[in-house]
């Protein structure tokens, strides 16, 4: 039952789901448990790459005795947790990854983005990401390239070393929306050009023209709204500091 403790069979199903690269939601449906239960189970026991059913079951069986054990020391690349339990940060990150994947973001890109979002500094090196996510440098590099193209992160040179740092700024989502709007505008323009070539009175031409007009109106509304709220939320930190 969902309210009961996980059985060894449940944990073996979780391990199998991780090997198949299923999402936590899909694994939860497979074993009849909430997504949050699967997320906590995995993040408590080595993460997606280090989860082992038998070892996790031994830990789970003795969890009541161990629950007063101090949280593990901060590992390399985990310096900016603000004193929070790394397991809590990992749980929030895993839930963020799950939602990003459901929204259409590829899994590795979602993991890198969530790691940056949940780090107080908003800045990590490739080595930090490799250690935290337990993935290869090549996987991190591919994800970074994708996220840069979406204007969600940028690169900066670490002044204390030769390493590059990957940074997510407070207005990253705004910048990504604006990049997306520009791309959608190009699609609208292509639809309009196609409509003219086919003839706007033909069924195909009318379909393309309607699509073009729809996109233009939606993009205009989106950009105006994004710019308005960007100004509002960009001003808030300055206003707060002025009143302190």
Foldseek 3Di string as FASTA:
>chain_A
DQVDDDDLVLLVLLLVCLVVVHALCVSCVVVVYHSLVSLLLQLVAQHSVRRDSVVSVVCVVCVVVCVPPDADDQDPLRPQQVPDRVSVLSSQLSVQLRVVVVVPDDNLLSNVLSVLVSGPQSKDFLVSSCVVNVDDSVSVVVSLVVLVLLQQWDWDQDPVDRTIMIGGDPCSVLSSLVSVLVVLLVQLVVLQVVLVVVDCVDPSSVVSPVSSVVSVVVSVVVNVVSVVVCVVVVCVVVVVVVVD
